[in-house]
Amino acid sequence: MNERIARLHAWYLWHSRNALYDEEGQATTEYALVMLGAALVALMLVAWATAGGGAGKIGRLFDRVIDAVIDKL
């Protein structure tokens, strides 16, 4: 009887330890969270540019960037 209890205890300890240190799927979860954050930032930028009056600011920014590139050439 003691041998069975010892084996059961060893099996339990082995499997519970492996469950604690198992990182399977963590990279996928991290990737999904990063993609979700990037999508949120993109949606906020689009909302600001279309409804928040940012269209004029973005146009001026692009004009300045293009003018700076042309001046360098």
Protein backbone atom coordinates (compact mmCIF):
# COMPACT_ATOMS: atom_id res chain seq x y z
CA MET A 1 0.00 0.00 0.00
CA ASN A 2 2.81 2.41 0.85
CA GLU A 3 4.47 1.69 -2.49
CA ARG A 4 1.27 2.64 -4.34
CA ILE A 5 0.98 5.86 -2.38
CA ALA A 6 4.63 6.66 -3.07
CA ARG A 7 4.18 6.01 -6.81
CA LEU A 8 1.01 8.10 -6.90
CA HIS A 9 2.75 10.89 -5.04
CA ALA A 10 5.74 10.78 -7.41
CA TRP A 11 3.43 10.80 -10.44
CA TYR A 12 1.51 13.77 -9.04
CA LEU A 13 4.67 15.73 -8.28
CA TRP A 14 6.10 15.03 -11.74
CA HIS A 15 2.97 16.13 -13.60
CA SER A 16 2.25 19.15 -11.44
CA ARG A 17 5.84 20.38 -11.84
CA ASN A 18 5.68 19.97 -15.62
CA ALA A 19 2.37 21.82 -15.73
CA LEU A 20 3.88 24.77 -13.85
CA TYR A 21 6.86 25.14 -16.18
CA ASP A 22 5.10 24.36 -19.45
CA GLU A 23 5.35 27.41 -21.75
CA GLU A 24 3.77 25.81 -24.79
CA GLY A 25 1.71 28.40 -26.64
CA GLN A 26 3.19 31.38 -24.83
CA ALA A 27 4.87 32.79 -27.94
CA THR A 28 1.60 32.54 -29.84
CA THR A 29 -0.21 34.38 -27.07
CA GLU A 30 2.43 37.10 -26.94
CA TYR A 31 2.28 37.49 -30.73
CA ALA A 32 -1.51 37.78 -30.60
CA LEU A 33 -1.32 40.45 -27.90
CA VAL A 34 1.25 42.46 -29.87
CA MET A 35 -0.90 42.24 -33.00
CA LEU A 36 -3.96 43.31 -31.01
CA GLY A 37 -2.06 46.31 -29.64
CA ALA A 38 -0.84 47.29 -33.11
CA ALA A 39 -4.37 47.04 -34.49
CA LEU A 40 -5.67 49.23 -31.68
CA VAL A 41 -3.04 51.89 -32.37
CA ALA A 42 -3.83 51.75 -36.10
CA LEU A 43 -7.56 52.16 -35.44
CA MET A 44 -6.93 55.11 -33.14
CA LEU A 45 -4.72 56.73 -35.78
CA VAL A 46 -7.35 56.25 -38.49
CA ALA A 47 -10.07 57.64 -36.22
CA TRP A 48 -7.94 60.67 -35.39
CA ALA A 49 -7.01 61.28 -39.02
CA THR A 50 -10.56 61.05 -40.35
CA ALA A 51 -12.75 62.50 -37.62
CA GLY A 52 -10.41 64.39 -35.36
CA GLY A 53 -9.16 66.96 -37.85
CA GLY A 54 -5.87 65.18 -38.28
CA ALA A 55 -6.17 64.93 -42.05
CA GLY A 56 -4.76 68.42 -42.55
CA LYS A 57 -1.91 67.75 -40.13
CA ILE A 58 -1.04 64.48 -41.86
CA GLY A 59 -1.09 66.22 -45.24
CA ARG A 60 1.26 68.94 -43.98
CA LEU A 61 3.54 66.30 -42.45
CA PHE A 62 3.76 64.39 -45.74
CA ASP A 63 4.40 67.63 -47.62
CA ARG A 64 7.26 68.50 -45.26
CA VAL A 65 8.76 65.02 -45.53
CA ILE A 66 8.58 65.01 -49.33
CA ASP A 67 9.99 68.54 -49.52
CA ALA A 68 12.88 67.53 -47.24
CA VAL A 69 13.64 64.48 -49.40
CA ILE A 70 13.53 66.54 -52.60
CA ASP A 71 15.83 69.17 -51.06
CA LYS A 72 18.36 66.43 -50.23
CA LEU A 73 18.43 65.30 -53.87
